[in-house]
Amino acid sequence: MARILFKGSTHFDGADREAIFLAADALGYSGVQRGHTLMVGSESPNTIDHAVKQGAERFCRSFPGRSGYLEVHRPDDGKAPFAEPSTPNLHIERRVYGFPSNGPDKNMDRDWVVTHVGALDASDVLVVLGGGTGTNVAGQLAMERRWPIIPISSFGGAAQELYKVLSYELHRQRWVADRLHVLNGAWRDSSAATIIELIESVVTKSRPHSYFISYSHSDAVAADRVELLLRRENKAVLRDERELAPAAPVDRTLTTRIAMASTFLALYSQDYAGSHYCSGELAIADEMQRSGNKPTRIVGVRLDQSILSPLLAGNLYLEGSDRRSLDAAVARLIAGET
């Protein structure tokens, strides 16, 4: 299952609104049909986000026994888009970025850039359809971070410009090259399904070794340090930064992130051992690995002298009680990826 971030709008000259929104709707339908998590941000009638959501809803209404998953990533402006009643099997989660002030010093352009970066980090791939300046900013950020991009050039706008820039690289990727016609040719009824299949290939081929960091929020400083060291080596990092109730269950979105990780990294401590939520994450990772799925490695880094969980028995564990040993543990993790 992939986490697909959608960016696009009709904010450009000559935009065919109806065609763009029909394509976005079809992509939303096909994405949910294949079990992926769709990521959007704006409820503006000029963006593709609402059409992507409509496609997801259309699938969920047609198949009430199946579930769809939508994440809304946006600046913290006090708004909650897509709050209207939806089909009960379309599950919506929200994440906000930036500063919660709505005063005269509020800088929404800055907050949207922060949002683009945060949403990219939480995604596997960026899909661009149409779009103006904001879409182009998201695409440029993705290129700077060498993030997988699917630019659908067929409708013009920022997506077409990004396609031109990326054309050489796309042609070099054999799992993309034989499907480029669907990105720059006439849109057909089958195009959305083909693009979702293309996304699956791109994510599988281009995804770097990824880490899910499991930690108690009392150990957030250590988690931040580990994430910094991993990102310096261009590793994908997945973690949950929400404040959760002590007995809160592990939700489906977090389970999906664990399933995406090559390495499940438990920052083990006394607080970790006492957390039902952390224990739940570790149990899920153990079950997935025993089933022959990702994560392929489960590693414990011990932050204090706590006795390790039995679920870590037989797995690699390293010492990380101080900054020097923690840095050494991360270096050993990276060296042992293969």
C-alpha atoms as a PDB file:
ATOM      1  CA  MET A   1       0.000   0.000   0.000  1.00  0.00           C
ATOM      2  CA  ALA A   2       1.339   3.405  -0.992  1.00  0.00           C
ATOM      3  CA  ARG A   3       0.679   6.850   0.396  1.00  0.00           C
ATOM      4  CA  ILE A   4      -0.139   9.053  -2.600  1.00  0.00           C
ATOM      5  CA  LEU A   5       0.043  12.842  -2.277  1.00  0.00           C
ATOM      6  CA  PHE A   6      -2.038  14.759  -4.838  1.00  0.00           C
ATOM      7  CA  LYS A   7      -1.276  18.329  -5.902  1.00  0.00           C
ATOM      8  CA  GLY A   8      -2.972  20.284  -8.654  1.00  0.00           C
ATOM      9  CA  SER A   9      -5.496  22.922  -9.557  1.00  0.00           C
ATOM     10  CA  THR A  10      -7.064  24.876 -12.389  1.00  0.00           C
ATOM     11  CA  HIS A  11      -5.033  27.988 -11.514  1.00  0.00           C
ATOM     12  CA  PHE A  12      -3.488  28.386 -14.980  1.00  0.00           C
ATOM     13  CA  ASP A  13      -4.465  29.809 -18.356  1.00  0.00           C
ATOM     14  CA  GLY A  14      -6.463  27.489 -20.576  1.00  0.00           C
ATOM     15  CA  ALA A  15      -7.331  24.996 -17.851  1.00  0.00           C
ATOM     16  CA  ASP A  16     -10.084  22.540 -18.790  1.00  0.00           C
ATOM     17  CA  ARG A  17     -11.757  22.360 -15.389  1.00  0.00           C
ATOM     18  CA  GLU A  18     -14.181  19.571 -16.222  1.00  0.00           C
ATOM     19  CA  ALA A  19     -11.527  17.314 -17.756  1.00  0.00           C
ATOM     20  CA  ILE A  20      -9.074  17.875 -14.891  1.00  0.00           C
ATOM     21  CA  PHE A  21     -11.653  17.170 -12.206  1.00  0.00           C
ATOM     22  CA  LEU A  22     -12.937  14.054 -13.982  1.00  0.00           C
ATOM     23  CA  ALA A  23      -9.356  12.755 -14.141  1.00  0.00           C
ATOM     24  CA  ALA A  24      -8.792  13.554 -10.446  1.00  0.00           C
ATOM     25  CA  ASP A  25     -12.035  11.792  -9.533  1.00  0.00           C
ATOM     26  CA  ALA A  26     -10.963   8.702 -11.473  1.00  0.00           C
ATOM     27  CA  LEU A  27      -7.557   8.710  -9.771  1.00  0.00           C
ATOM     28  CA  GLY A  28      -9.214   8.917  -6.355  1.00  0.00           C
ATOM     29  CA  TYR A  29     -11.474   5.989  -7.215  1.00  0.00           C
ATOM     30  CA  SER A  30      -8.649   3.818  -8.555  1.00  0.00           C
ATOM     31  CA  GLY A  31      -6.300   4.704  -5.695  1.00  0.00           C
ATOM     32  CA  VAL A  32      -8.779   3.610  -3.024  1.00  0.00           C
ATOM     33  CA  GLN A  33      -9.746   0.574  -5.077  1.00  0.00           C
ATOM     34  CA  ARG A  34      -6.131  -0.608  -4.926  1.00  0.00           C
ATOM     35  CA  GLY A  35      -5.963  -0.030  -1.149  1.00  0.00           C
ATOM     36  CA  HIS A  36      -3.750   3.065  -1.121  1.00  0.00           C
ATOM     37  CA  THR A  37      -3.964   6.034   1.247  1.00  0.00           C
ATOM     38  CA  LEU A  38      -4.808   9.283  -0.548  1.00  0.00           C
ATOM     39  CA  MET A  39      -3.344  12.558   0.735  1.00  0.00           C
ATOM     40  CA  VAL A  40      -4.900  15.973  -0.012  1.00  0.00           C
ATOM     41  CA  GLY A  41      -4.883  19.410   1.548  1.00  0.00           C
ATOM     42  CA  SER A  42      -7.292  22.024   0.234  1.00  0.00           C
ATOM     43  CA  GLU A  43     -11.058  22.182  -0.109  1.00  0.00           C
ATOM     44  CA  SER A  44     -10.885  24.982  -2.674  1.00  0.00           C
ATOM     45  CA  PRO A  45     -13.152  24.332  -5.683  1.00  0.00           C
ATOM     46  CA  ASN A  46     -10.187  25.239  -7.878  1.00  0.00           C
ATOM     47  CA  THR A  47      -7.976  22.389  -6.645  1.00  0.00           C
ATOM     48  CA  ILE A  48      -8.104  18.712  -7.559  1.00  0.00           C
ATOM     49  CA  ASP A  49      -8.313  17.709  -3.891  1.00  0.00           C
ATOM     50  CA  HIS A  50     -12.111  17.733  -3.646  1.00  0.00           C
ATOM     51  CA  ALA A  51     -12.370  15.703  -6.873  1.00  0.00           C
ATOM     52  CA  VAL A  52      -9.899  13.128  -5.542  1.00  0.00           C
ATOM     53  CA  LYS A  53     -12.052  12.846  -2.431  1.00  0.00           C
ATOM     54  CA  GLN A  54     -15.218  12.507  -4.529  1.00  0.00           C
ATOM     55  CA  GLY A  55     -13.622   9.608  -6.395  1.00  0.00           C
ATOM     56  CA  ALA A  56     -12.734   7.937  -3.103  1.00  0.00           C
ATOM     57  CA  GLU A  57     -16.311   8.434  -1.876  1.00  0.00           C
ATOM     58  CA  ARG A  58     -17.695   7.038  -5.111  1.00  0.00           C
ATOM     59  CA  PHE A  59     -15.757   3.827  -4.632  1.00  0.00           C
ATOM     60  CA  CYS A  60     -16.757   3.545  -0.962  1.00  0.00           C
ATOM     61  CA  ARG A  61     -20.435   4.016  -1.811  1.00  0.00           C
ATOM     62  CA  SER A  62     -20.197   1.356  -4.513  1.00  0.00           C
ATOM     63  CA  PHE A  63     -18.441  -1.107  -2.213  1.00  0.00           C
ATOM     64  CA  PRO A  64     -19.718  -0.584   1.350  1.00  0.00           C
ATOM     65  CA  GLY A  65     -17.797  -3.627   2.556  1.00  0.00           C
ATOM     66  CA  ARG A  66     -14.461  -2.036   1.609  1.00  0.00           C
ATOM     67  CA  SER A  67     -12.674   0.822   3.372  1.00  0.00           C
ATOM     68  CA  GLY A  68     -11.000   3.894   1.951  1.00  0.00           C
ATOM     69  CA  TYR A  69      -8.420   6.098   3.640  1.00  0.00           C
ATOM     70  CA  LEU A  70      -7.902   9.817   3.140  1.00  0.00           C
ATOM     71  CA  GLU A  71      -5.447  12.110   4.926  1.00  0.00           C
ATOM     72  CA  VAL A  72      -5.825  15.894   4.964  1.00  0.00           C
ATOM     73  CA  HIS A  73      -2.524  17.794   5.354  1.00  0.00           C
ATOM     74  CA  ARG A  74      -2.845  21.581   5.629  1.00  0.00           C
ATOM     75  CA  PRO A  75      -1.605  24.672   7.498  1.00  0.00           C
ATOM     76  CA  ASP A  76      -2.958  25.246  10.995  1.00  0.00           C
ATOM     77  CA  ASP A  77      -5.506  27.937  10.136  1.00  0.00           C
ATOM     78  CA  GLY A  78      -8.317  26.648  12.316  1.00  0.00           C
ATOM     79  CA  LYS A  79     -10.200  25.120   9.378  1.00  0.00           C
ATOM     80  CA  ALA A  80     -11.165  21.468   8.953  1.00  0.00           C
ATOM     81  CA  PRO A  81     -11.849  20.851   5.260  1.00  0.00           C
ATOM     82  CA  PHE A  82     -13.858  17.846   4.112  1.00  0.00           C
ATOM     83  CA  ALA A  83     -15.757  17.878   7.409  1.00  0.00           C
ATOM     84  CA  GLU A  84     -19.160  17.290   5.837  1.00  0.00           C
ATOM     85  CA  PRO A  85     -20.675  13.827   6.419  1.00  0.00           C
ATOM     86  CA  SER A  86     -19.077  11.246   4.190  1.00  0.00           C
ATOM     87  CA  THR A  87     -19.615   7.555   3.557  1.00  0.00           C
ATOM     88  CA  PRO A  88     -18.915   5.689   6.819  1.00  0.00           C
ATOM     89  CA  ASN A  89     -16.288   3.455   5.209  1.00  0.00           C
ATOM     90  CA  LEU A  90     -14.159   6.412   4.053  1.00  0.00           C
ATOM     91  CA  HIS A  91     -11.882   7.148   6.991  1.00  0.00           C
ATOM     92  CA  ILE A  92     -10.409  10.665   7.157  1.00  0.00           C
ATOM     93  CA  GLU A  93      -7.412  11.691   9.271  1.00  0.00           C
ATOM     94  CA  ARG A  94      -5.966  15.198   9.601  1.00  0.00           C
ATOM     95  CA  ARG A  95      -2.549  16.709  10.209  1.00  0.00           C
ATOM     96  CA  VAL A  96      -1.839  20.434  10.527  1.00  0.00           C
ATOM     97  CA  TYR A  97       1.439  22.310  10.104  1.00  0.00           C
ATOM     98  CA  GLY A  98       2.823  25.745  10.884  1.00  0.00           C
ATOM     99  CA  PHE A  99       1.672  28.199  13.488  1.00  0.00           C
ATOM    100  CA  PRO A 100      -1.890  28.339  14.856  1.00  0.00           C
ATOM    101  CA  SER A 101      -2.139  32.128  14.852  1.00  0.00           C
ATOM    102  CA  ASN A 102      -4.730  33.869  12.679  1.00  0.00           C
ATOM    103  CA  GLY A 103      -3.503  37.370  13.485  1.00  0.00           C
ATOM    104  CA  PRO A 104      -2.075  39.999  11.120  1.00  0.00           C
ATOM    105  CA  ASP A 105       1.353  38.331  11.186  1.00  0.00           C
ATOM    106  CA  LYS A 106      -0.021  35.057   9.854  1.00  0.00           C
ATOM    107  CA  ASN A 107       2.043  33.992   6.813  1.00  0.00           C
ATOM    108  CA  MET A 108       0.012  31.451   4.864  1.00  0.00           C
ATOM    109  CA  ASP A 109       2.542  31.206   2.017  1.00  0.00           C
ATOM    110  CA  ARG A 110       5.199  30.140   4.505  1.00  0.00           C
ATOM    111  CA  ASP A 111       2.823  27.728   6.227  1.00  0.00           C
ATOM    112  CA  TRP A 112       1.861  26.112   2.929  1.00  0.00           C
ATOM    113  CA  VAL A 113       5.551  25.526   2.132  1.00  0.00           C
ATOM    114  CA  VAL A 114       5.933  23.896   5.566  1.00  0.00           C
ATOM    115  CA  THR A 115       2.856  21.815   4.765  1.00  0.00           C
ATOM    116  CA  HIS A 116       4.203  20.746   1.364  1.00  0.00           C
ATOM    117  CA  VAL A 117       7.438  19.530   2.995  1.00  0.00           C
ATOM    118  CA  GLY A 118       5.646  17.738   5.818  1.00  0.00           C
ATOM    119  CA  ALA A 119       3.183  16.052   3.479  1.00  0.00           C
ATOM    120  CA  LEU A 120       5.993  14.984   1.137  1.00  0.00           C
ATOM    121  CA  ASP A 121       7.852  13.409   4.040  1.00  0.00           C
ATOM    122  CA  ALA A 122       4.723  11.476   4.980  1.00  0.00           C
ATOM    123  CA  SER A 123       4.090  10.281   1.414  1.00  0.00           C
ATOM    124  CA  ASP A 124       5.611   7.742  -0.965  1.00  0.00           C
ATOM    125  CA  VAL A 125       4.965   9.597  -4.201  1.00  0.00           C
ATOM    126  CA  LEU A 126       3.691  12.956  -5.469  1.00  0.00           C
ATOM    127  CA  VAL A 127       1.086  13.022  -8.245  1.00  0.00           C
ATOM    128  CA  VAL A 128       0.767  16.359 -10.053  1.00  0.00           C
ATOM    129  CA  LEU A 129      -2.223  17.224 -12.224  1.00  0.00           C
ATOM    130  CA  GLY A 130      -2.647  20.671 -13.800  1.00  0.00           C
ATOM    131  CA  GLY A 131      -1.698  23.325 -11.265  1.00  0.00           C
ATOM    132  CA  GLY A 132      -0.324  26.811 -10.948  1.00  0.00           C
ATOM    133  CA  THR A 133       2.283  28.422  -8.692  1.00  0.00           C
ATOM    134  CA  GLY A 134       1.497  26.423  -5.540  1.00  0.00           C
ATOM    135  CA  THR A 135       1.610  23.131  -7.403  1.00  0.00           C
ATOM    136  CA  ASN A 136       4.897  24.127  -9.003  1.00  0.00           C
ATOM    137  CA  VAL A 137       6.382  24.895  -5.556  1.00  0.00           C
ATOM    138  CA  ALA A 138       5.403  21.433  -4.328  1.00  0.00           C
ATOM    139  CA  GLY A 139       6.955  19.876  -7.443  1.00  0.00           C
ATOM    140  CA  GLN A 140      10.186  21.824  -7.051  1.00  0.00           C
ATOM    141  CA  LEU A 141      10.444  20.778  -3.402  1.00  0.00           C
ATOM    142  CA  ALA A 142       9.930  17.161  -4.415  1.00  0.00           C
ATOM    143  CA  MET A 143      12.641  17.374  -7.079  1.00  0.00           C
ATOM    144  CA  GLU A 144      15.095  18.963  -4.634  1.00  0.00           C
ATOM    145  CA  ARG A 145      14.426  16.104  -2.225  1.00  0.00           C
ATOM    146  CA  ARG A 146      14.660  13.559  -5.077  1.00  0.00           C
ATOM    147  CA  TRP A 147      11.140  12.375  -4.263  1.00  0.00           C
ATOM    148  CA  PRO A 148       9.228  10.212  -6.765  1.00  0.00           C
ATOM    149  CA  ILE A 149       6.948  12.384  -8.920  1.00  0.00           C
ATOM    150  CA  ILE A 150       4.227  11.374 -11.368  1.00  0.00           C
ATOM    151  CA  PRO A 151       3.571  14.496 -13.512  1.00  0.00           C
ATOM    152  CA  ILE A 152       0.387  14.055 -15.565  1.00  0.00           C
ATOM    153  CA  SER A 153       1.167  16.371 -18.461  1.00  0.00           C
ATOM    154  CA  SER A 154      -2.010  15.754 -20.461  1.00  0.00           C
ATOM    155  CA  PHE A 155      -3.895  18.799 -19.117  1.00  0.00           C
ATOM    156  CA  GLY A 156      -1.108  21.416 -19.084  1.00  0.00           C
ATOM    157  CA  GLY A 157      -0.230  23.664 -16.161  1.00  0.00           C
ATOM    158  CA  ALA A 158       2.574  23.061 -13.682  1.00  0.00           C
ATOM    159  CA  ALA A 159       2.355  19.300 -14.306  1.00  0.00           C
ATOM    160  CA  GLN A 160       3.281  19.823 -17.941  1.00  0.00           C
ATOM    161  CA  GLU A 161       6.273  21.976 -17.009  1.00  0.00           C
ATOM    162  CA  LEU A 162       7.434  19.411 -14.425  1.00  0.00           C
ATOM    163  CA  TYR A 163       7.069  16.663 -17.020  1.00  0.00           C
ATOM    164  CA  LYS A 164       9.381  18.547 -19.389  1.00  0.00           C
ATOM    165  CA  VAL A 165      12.015  18.912 -16.667  1.00  0.00           C
ATOM    166  CA  LEU A 166      11.732  15.266 -15.612  1.00  0.00           C
ATOM    167  CA  SER A 167      11.289  13.778 -19.086  1.00  0.00           C
ATOM    168  CA  TYR A 168      14.884  12.576 -19.485  1.00  0.00           C
ATOM    169  CA  GLU A 169      14.907  10.896 -16.076  1.00  0.00           C
ATOM    170  CA  LEU A 170      11.499   9.298 -16.671  1.00  0.00           C
ATOM    171  CA  HIS A 171      12.659   7.834 -19.978  1.00  0.00           C
ATOM    172  CA  ARG A 172      15.670   6.279 -18.215  1.00  0.00           C
ATOM    173  CA  GLN A 173      13.449   4.334 -15.823  1.00  0.00           C
ATOM    174  CA  ARG A 174      12.338   1.270 -17.789  1.00  0.00           C
ATOM    175  CA  TRP A 175       9.413   0.578 -15.449  1.00  0.00           C
ATOM    176  CA  VAL A 176       8.136   4.075 -16.344  1.00  0.00           C
ATOM    177  CA  ALA A 177       9.244   4.509 -19.956  1.00  0.00           C
ATOM    178  CA  ASP A 178       6.760   2.048 -21.466  1.00  0.00           C
ATOM    179  CA  ARG A 179       3.858   3.871 -19.795  1.00  0.00           C
ATOM    180  CA  LEU A 180       4.837   7.467 -20.498  1.00  0.00           C
ATOM    181  CA  HIS A 181       2.066   7.736 -23.078  1.00  0.00           C
ATOM    182  CA  VAL A 182      -0.465   7.742 -20.261  1.00  0.00           C
ATOM    183  CA  LEU A 183       1.217  10.785 -18.678  1.00  0.00           C
ATOM    184  CA  ASN A 184       1.453  12.966 -21.775  1.00  0.00           C
ATOM    185  CA  GLY A 185      -1.192  11.568 -24.125  1.00  0.00           C
ATOM    186  CA  ALA A 186      -4.944  11.942 -24.381  1.00  0.00           C
ATOM    187  CA  TRP A 187      -6.805  10.927 -21.234  1.00  0.00           C
ATOM    188  CA  ARG A 188      -8.781   7.689 -21.582  1.00  0.00           C
ATOM    189  CA  ASP A 189     -11.155   5.707 -19.397  1.00  0.00           C
ATOM    190  CA  SER A 190      -8.296   3.343 -18.533  1.00  0.00           C
ATOM    191  CA  SER A 191      -5.749   6.075 -17.767  1.00  0.00           C
ATOM    192  CA  ALA A 192      -6.379   6.359 -14.015  1.00  0.00           C
ATOM    193  CA  ALA A 193      -5.999   2.622 -13.385  1.00  0.00           C
ATOM    194  CA  THR A 194      -2.801   2.551 -15.469  1.00  0.00           C
ATOM    195  CA  ILE A 195      -1.348   5.515 -13.569  1.00  0.00           C
ATOM    196  CA  ILE A 196      -2.079   3.875 -10.215  1.00  0.00           C
ATOM    197  CA  GLU A 197      -0.278   0.742 -11.438  1.00  0.00           C
ATOM    198  CA  LEU A 198       2.599   2.966 -12.564  1.00  0.00           C
ATOM    199  CA  ILE A 199       2.694   4.568  -9.115  1.00  0.00           C
ATOM    200  CA  GLU A 200       2.978   1.124  -7.538  1.00  0.00           C
ATOM    201  CA  SER A 201       5.961   0.309  -9.750  1.00  0.00           C
ATOM    202  CA  VAL A 202       7.661   3.628  -9.070  1.00  0.00           C
ATOM    203  CA  VAL A 203       7.214   3.360  -5.310  1.00  0.00           C
ATOM    204  CA  THR A 204       8.510  -0.211  -5.262  1.00  0.00           C
ATOM    205  CA  LYS A 205      11.582   0.607  -7.364  1.00  0.00           C
ATOM    206  CA  SER A 206      12.506   4.017  -5.993  1.00  0.00           C
ATOM    207  CA  ARG A 207      11.699   3.751  -2.296  1.00  0.00           C
ATOM    208  CA  PRO A 208      14.916   4.020  -0.238  1.00  0.00           C
ATOM    209  CA  HIS A 209      15.558   1.844   2.784  1.00  0.00           C
ATOM    210  CA  SER A 210      12.967   3.104   5.211  1.00  0.00           C
ATOM    211  CA  TYR A 211      12.805   3.204   8.990  1.00  0.00           C
ATOM    212  CA  PHE A 212       9.831   3.302  11.301  1.00  0.00           C
ATOM    213  CA  ILE A 213      10.898   4.843  14.613  1.00  0.00           C
ATOM    214  CA  SER A 214       8.871   3.514  17.525  1.00  0.00           C
ATOM    215  CA  TYR A 215       9.393   5.464  20.730  1.00  0.00           C
ATOM    216  CA  SER A 216       7.811   6.822  23.859  1.00  0.00           C
ATOM    217  CA  HIS A 217       7.098  10.546  23.592  1.00  0.00           C
ATOM    218  CA  SER A 218       9.242  11.046  26.683  1.00  0.00           C
ATOM    219  CA  ASP A 219      12.154   9.921  24.464  1.00  0.00           C
ATOM    220  CA  ALA A 220      11.351  12.369  21.646  1.00  0.00           C
ATOM    221  CA  VAL A 221      14.814  13.991  21.848  1.00  0.00           C
ATOM    222  CA  ALA A 222      16.479  10.663  21.062  1.00  0.00           C
ATOM    223  CA  ALA A 223      13.956  10.035  18.273  1.00  0.00           C
ATOM    224  CA  ASP A 224      14.709  13.450  16.769  1.00  0.00           C
ATOM    225  CA  ARG A 225      18.436  12.688  16.833  1.00  0.00           C
ATOM    226  CA  VAL A 226      17.955   9.306  15.156  1.00  0.00           C
ATOM    227  CA  GLU A 227      15.713  10.837  12.485  1.00  0.00           C
ATOM    228  CA  LEU A 228      18.275  13.575  11.785  1.00  0.00           C
ATOM    229  CA  LEU A 229      21.078  11.040  11.321  1.00  0.00           C
ATOM    230  CA  LEU A 230      18.971   8.843   9.053  1.00  0.00           C
ATOM    231  CA  ARG A 231      17.807  11.738   6.885  1.00  0.00           C
ATOM    232  CA  ARG A 232      21.400  12.900   6.468  1.00  0.00           C
ATOM    233  CA  GLU A 233      21.941   9.567   4.718  1.00  0.00           C
ATOM    234  CA  ASN A 234      18.820  10.064   2.567  1.00  0.00           C
ATOM    235  CA  LYS A 235      16.821   7.413   4.376  1.00  0.00           C
ATOM    236  CA  ALA A 236      13.039   7.507   4.490  1.00  0.00           C
ATOM    237  CA  VAL A 237      11.796   7.981   8.058  1.00  0.00           C
ATOM    238  CA  LEU A 238       8.317   7.164   9.324  1.00  0.00           C
ATOM    239  CA  ARG A 239       7.132   7.976  12.824  1.00  0.00           C
ATOM    240  CA  ASP A 240       4.079   9.147  14.715  1.00  0.00           C
ATOM    241  CA  GLU A 241       4.405  12.505  16.455  1.00  0.00           C
ATOM    242  CA  ARG A 242       0.894  12.805  17.835  1.00  0.00           C
ATOM    243  CA  GLU A 243       0.189  12.999  21.551  1.00  0.00           C
ATOM    244  CA  LEU A 244      -1.831   9.897  22.370  1.00  0.00           C
ATOM    245  CA  ALA A 245      -3.760   8.694  25.361  1.00  0.00           C
ATOM    246  CA  PRO A 246      -1.935   5.941  27.293  1.00  0.00           C
ATOM    247  CA  ALA A 247      -4.351   3.195  26.242  1.00  0.00           C
ATOM    248  CA  ALA A 248      -5.054   4.457  22.719  1.00  0.00           C
ATOM    249  CA  PRO A 249      -5.157   1.680  20.094  1.00  0.00           C
ATOM    250  CA  VAL A 250      -2.736   1.601  17.173  1.00  0.00           C
ATOM    251  CA  ASP A 251      -4.739   3.026  14.267  1.00  0.00           C
ATOM    252  CA  ARG A 252      -4.807   1.753  10.707  1.00  0.00           C
ATOM    253  CA  THR A 253      -2.729   4.600   9.269  1.00  0.00           C
ATOM    254  CA  LEU A 254       0.105   3.859  11.675  1.00  0.00           C
ATOM    255  CA  THR A 255      -0.154   0.163  10.882  1.00  0.00           C
ATOM    256  CA  THR A 256       0.268   1.046   7.210  1.00  0.00           C
ATOM    257  CA  ARG A 257       3.427   3.037   7.994  1.00  0.00           C
ATOM    258  CA  ILE A 258       4.891   0.099   9.925  1.00  0.00           C
ATOM    259  CA  ALA A 259       4.117  -2.145   6.942  1.00  0.00           C
ATOM    260  CA  MET A 260       6.006   0.266   4.642  1.00  0.00           C
ATOM    261  CA  ALA A 261       9.209   0.237   6.695  1.00  0.00           C
ATOM    262  CA  SER A 262      12.256  -1.856   5.861  1.00  0.00           C
ATOM    263  CA  THR A 263      13.469  -1.546   9.455  1.00  0.00           C
ATOM    264  CA  PHE A 264      11.312  -1.215  12.560  1.00  0.00           C
ATOM    265  CA  LEU A 265      13.455   0.611  15.108  1.00  0.00           C
ATOM    266  CA  ALA A 266      12.339   0.486  18.743  1.00  0.00           C
ATOM    267  CA  LEU A 267      13.969   3.117  20.955  1.00  0.00           C
ATOM    268  CA  TYR A 268      13.581   1.009  24.061  1.00  0.00           C
ATOM    269  CA  SER A 269      13.408   2.489  27.541  1.00  0.00           C
ATOM    270  CA  GLN A 270      11.519   2.126  30.787  1.00  0.00           C
ATOM    271  CA  ASP A 271       8.825   4.443  29.446  1.00  0.00           C
ATOM    272  CA  TYR A 272       8.650   2.429  26.209  1.00  0.00           C
ATOM    273  CA  ALA A 273       8.191  -0.788  28.180  1.00  0.00           C
ATOM    274  CA  GLY A 274       5.335   0.800  30.122  1.00  0.00           C
ATOM    275  CA  SER A 275       3.519   2.140  27.057  1.00  0.00           C
ATOM    276  CA  HIS A 276       0.611   0.067  25.735  1.00  0.00           C
ATOM    277  CA  TYR A 277       0.847   1.993  22.472  1.00  0.00           C
ATOM    278  CA  CYS A 278       4.570   1.271  21.946  1.00  0.00           C
ATOM    279  CA  SER A 279       4.036  -2.385  22.868  1.00  0.00           C
ATOM    280  CA  GLY A 280       1.225  -2.501  20.309  1.00  0.00           C
ATOM    281  CA  GLU A 281       3.497  -1.129  17.572  1.00  0.00           C
ATOM    282  CA  LEU A 282       6.176  -3.705  18.404  1.00  0.00           C
ATOM    283  CA  ALA A 283       3.646  -6.550  18.415  1.00  0.00           C
ATOM    284  CA  ILE A 284       2.313  -5.475  14.995  1.00  0.00           C
ATOM    285  CA  ALA A 285       5.836  -5.319  13.532  1.00  0.00           C
ATOM    286  CA  ASP A 286       6.617  -8.763  14.955  1.00  0.00           C
ATOM    287  CA  GLU A 287       3.433 -10.242  13.492  1.00  0.00           C
ATOM    288  CA  MET A 288       4.117  -8.711  10.070  1.00  0.00           C
ATOM    289  CA  GLN A 289       7.684 -10.009  10.015  1.00  0.00           C
ATOM    290  CA  ARG A 290       6.605 -13.523  11.044  1.00  0.00           C
ATOM    291  CA  SER A 291       4.160 -13.463   8.131  1.00  0.00           C
ATOM    292  CA  GLY A 292       7.039 -12.832   5.731  1.00  0.00           C
ATOM    293  CA  ASN A 293       6.202  -9.180   5.124  1.00  0.00           C
ATOM    294  CA  LYS A 294       7.857  -5.893   5.943  1.00  0.00           C
ATOM    295  CA  PRO A 295       9.499  -4.800   8.160  1.00  0.00           C
ATOM    296  CA  THR A 296      12.390  -7.071   7.204  1.00  0.00           C
ATOM    297  CA  ARG A 297      14.386  -6.020  10.302  1.00  0.00           C
ATOM    298  CA  ILE A 298      13.296  -5.347  13.854  1.00  0.00           C
ATOM    299  CA  VAL A 299      15.994  -3.623  15.888  1.00  0.00           C
ATOM    300  CA  GLY A 300      16.002  -2.371  19.450  1.00  0.00           C
ATOM    301  CA  VAL A 301      18.196   0.508  20.584  1.00  0.00           C
ATOM    302  CA  ARG A 302      18.296   0.508  24.371  1.00  0.00           C
ATOM    303  CA  LEU A 303      18.256   4.029  25.814  1.00  0.00           C
ATOM    304  CA  ASP A 304      18.622   2.911  29.434  1.00  0.00           C
ATOM    305  CA  GLN A 305      19.119  -0.320  31.376  1.00  0.00           C
ATOM    306  CA  SER A 306      15.569  -1.624  30.898  1.00  0.00           C
ATOM    307  CA  ILE A 307      15.136  -5.359  30.323  1.00  0.00           C
ATOM    308  CA  LEU A 308      14.236  -5.804  26.669  1.00  0.00           C
ATOM    309  CA  SER A 309      10.841  -7.109  25.616  1.00  0.00           C
ATOM    310  CA  PRO A 310      10.655 -10.831  24.720  1.00  0.00           C
ATOM    311  CA  LEU A 311       9.508  -9.693  21.268  1.00  0.00           C
ATOM    312  CA  LEU A 312      13.017  -8.338  20.706  1.00  0.00           C
ATOM    313  CA  ALA A 313      14.610 -11.665  21.598  1.00  0.00           C
ATOM    314  CA  GLY A 314      16.521 -13.006  18.632  1.00  0.00           C
ATOM    315  CA  ASN A 315      16.625  -9.570  16.972  1.00  0.00           C
ATOM    316  CA  LEU A 316      19.548  -7.200  16.861  1.00  0.00           C
ATOM    317  CA  TYR A 317      19.717  -4.722  19.701  1.00  0.00           C
ATOM    318  CA  LEU A 318      22.205  -1.927  20.237  1.00  0.00           C
ATOM    319  CA  GLU A 319      23.093   0.393  23.050  1.00  0.00           C
ATOM    320  CA  GLY A 320      22.188   4.088  22.786  1.00  0.00           C
ATOM    321  CA  SER A 321      22.154   5.474  26.300  1.00  0.00           C
ATOM    322  CA  ASP A 322      24.204   8.539  25.364  1.00  0.00           C
ATOM    323  CA  ARG A 323      24.695  10.598  22.220  1.00  0.00           C
ATOM    324  CA  ARG A 324      27.940   8.894  21.221  1.00  0.00           C
ATOM    325  CA  SER A 325      26.534   5.365  21.505  1.00  0.00           C
ATOM    326  CA  LEU A 326      23.266   6.435  19.837  1.00  0.00           C
ATOM    327  CA  ASP A 327      25.166   7.855  16.852  1.00  0.00           C
ATOM    328  CA  ALA A 328      27.224   4.672  16.636  1.00  0.00           C
ATOM    329  CA  ALA A 329      24.069   2.563  16.744  1.00  0.00           C
ATOM    330  CA  VAL A 330      22.545   4.472  13.809  1.00  0.00           C
ATOM    331  CA  ALA A 331      25.787   4.118  11.812  1.00  0.00           C
ATOM    332  CA  ARG A 332      25.729   0.366  12.424  1.00  0.00           C
ATOM    333  CA  LEU A 333      22.077   0.184  11.370  1.00  0.00           C
ATOM    334  CA  ILE A 334      22.818   1.890   8.070  1.00  0.00           C
ATOM    335  CA  ALA A 335      25.891  -0.254   7.421  1.00  0.00           C
ATOM    336  CA  GLY A 336      23.854  -3.406   8.019  1.00  0.00           C
ATOM    337  CA  GLU A 337      20.961  -2.607   5.673  1.00  0.00           C
ATOM    338  CA  THR A 338      22.005  -5.186   3.080  1.00  0.00           C
END
